[in-house]
Amino acid sequence: MDTLEAHKAELVEELANCDQGAPVLLHPNLAAVYKDQVANLSNALGDESTKTEASSIIRSLLTEIRLIPEGGKLAIEVTVR
């Protein structure tokens, strides 16, 4: 316990002394860009000429898919790269 408390004290001091820097700002149009990208993906998955490539790209982004029982149903947890 003493080791953990000492480590916590070190971390608190490190946080107090770290350079805060500028905050990370999101582009004001990010939601619209995301919406367009999802629409493009949906169209690519629906088009037989691009479906295979779009599916492959999605698979390459995923590292893990878990099905977790919750209240008699399965919840899906997706881990991306």
Protein backbone atom coordinates (compact mmCIF):
# COMPACT_ATOMS: atom_id res chain seq x y z
CA MET A 1 0.00 0.00 0.00
CA ASP A 2 2.88 2.35 0.83
CA THR A 3 4.35 1.74 -2.63
CA LEU A 4 1.06 2.66 -4.29
CA GLU A 5 0.70 5.80 -2.20
CA ALA A 6 4.25 6.86 -3.10
CA HIS A 7 3.56 6.23 -6.78
CA LYS A 8 0.33 8.24 -6.55
CA ALA A 9 2.22 11.14 -4.96
CA GLU A 10 4.77 11.02 -7.81
CA LEU A 11 2.00 11.09 -10.41
CA VAL A 12 0.21 13.99 -8.71
CA GLU A 13 3.46 15.97 -8.64
CA GLU A 14 4.18 15.13 -12.28
CA LEU A 15 0.71 16.34 -13.29
CA ALA A 16 1.16 19.55 -11.34
CA ASN A 17 4.46 20.26 -13.11
CA CYS A 18 3.58 19.19 -16.64
CA ASP A 19 3.23 21.62 -19.51
CA GLN A 20 -0.48 21.99 -20.24
CA GLY A 21 0.11 23.25 -23.79
CA ALA A 22 -2.68 24.26 -26.10
CA PRO A 23 -5.88 22.23 -25.94
CA VAL A 24 -6.70 19.96 -28.82
CA LEU A 25 -9.46 21.60 -30.81
CA LEU A 26 -11.85 19.75 -33.08
CA HIS A 27 -12.61 21.07 -36.50
CA PRO A 28 -16.00 22.86 -36.43
CA ASN A 29 -17.16 20.84 -39.46
CA LEU A 30 -16.11 17.47 -38.02
CA ALA A 31 -19.67 16.20 -37.50
CA ALA A 32 -20.61 16.94 -41.12
CA VAL A 33 -17.44 15.28 -42.42
CA TYR A 34 -18.14 12.20 -40.28
CA LYS A 35 -21.74 12.06 -41.49
CA ASP A 36 -20.56 12.22 -45.12
CA GLN A 37 -17.96 9.50 -44.54
CA VAL A 38 -20.55 7.18 -42.97
CA ALA A 39 -22.91 7.82 -45.89
CA ASN A 40 -20.10 7.04 -48.35
CA LEU A 41 -19.30 3.85 -46.46
CA SER A 42 -22.94 2.84 -46.44
CA ASN A 43 -23.14 3.43 -50.20
CA ALA A 44 -19.90 1.47 -50.77
CA LEU A 45 -21.25 -1.48 -48.78
CA GLY A 46 -24.49 -1.40 -50.77
CA ASP A 47 -22.79 -1.31 -54.17
CA GLU A 48 -21.75 -4.76 -55.44
CA SER A 49 -18.74 -3.29 -57.28
CA THR A 50 -17.24 -1.83 -54.07
CA LYS A 51 -18.75 -4.06 -51.37
CA THR A 52 -15.79 -6.46 -51.17
CA GLU A 53 -13.20 -3.69 -50.89
CA ALA A 54 -15.27 -1.70 -48.36
CA SER A 55 -15.76 -4.81 -46.21
CA SER A 56 -12.04 -5.54 -46.33
CA ILE A 57 -11.19 -2.00 -45.25
CA ILE A 58 -13.60 -2.22 -42.31
CA ARG A 59 -12.14 -5.58 -41.25
CA SER A 60 -8.62 -4.12 -41.34
CA LEU A 61 -9.69 -1.39 -38.87
CA LEU A 62 -11.13 -3.80 -36.30
CA THR A 63 -8.96 -5.70 -33.86
CA GLU A 64 -11.65 -7.39 -31.81
CA ILE A 65 -15.41 -7.91 -31.65
CA ARG A 66 -16.92 -9.26 -28.43
CA LEU A 67 -20.46 -10.40 -27.74
CA ILE A 68 -21.26 -9.81 -24.08
CA PRO A 69 -24.38 -11.26 -22.45
CA GLU A 70 -26.41 -8.52 -20.75
CA GLY A 71 -29.89 -9.03 -19.40
CA GLY A 72 -30.75 -11.94 -21.69
CA LYS A 73 -29.41 -10.15 -24.80
CA LEU A 74 -25.99 -9.77 -26.36
CA ALA A 75 -24.18 -6.43 -26.29
CA ILE A 76 -21.53 -5.86 -28.95
CA GLU A 77 -18.16 -4.39 -28.04
CA VAL A 78 -15.94 -3.40 -30.96
CA THR A 79 -12.25 -2.58 -30.60
CA VAL A 80 -10.63 -0.55 -33.37
CA ARG A 81 -6.97 0.03 -34.15
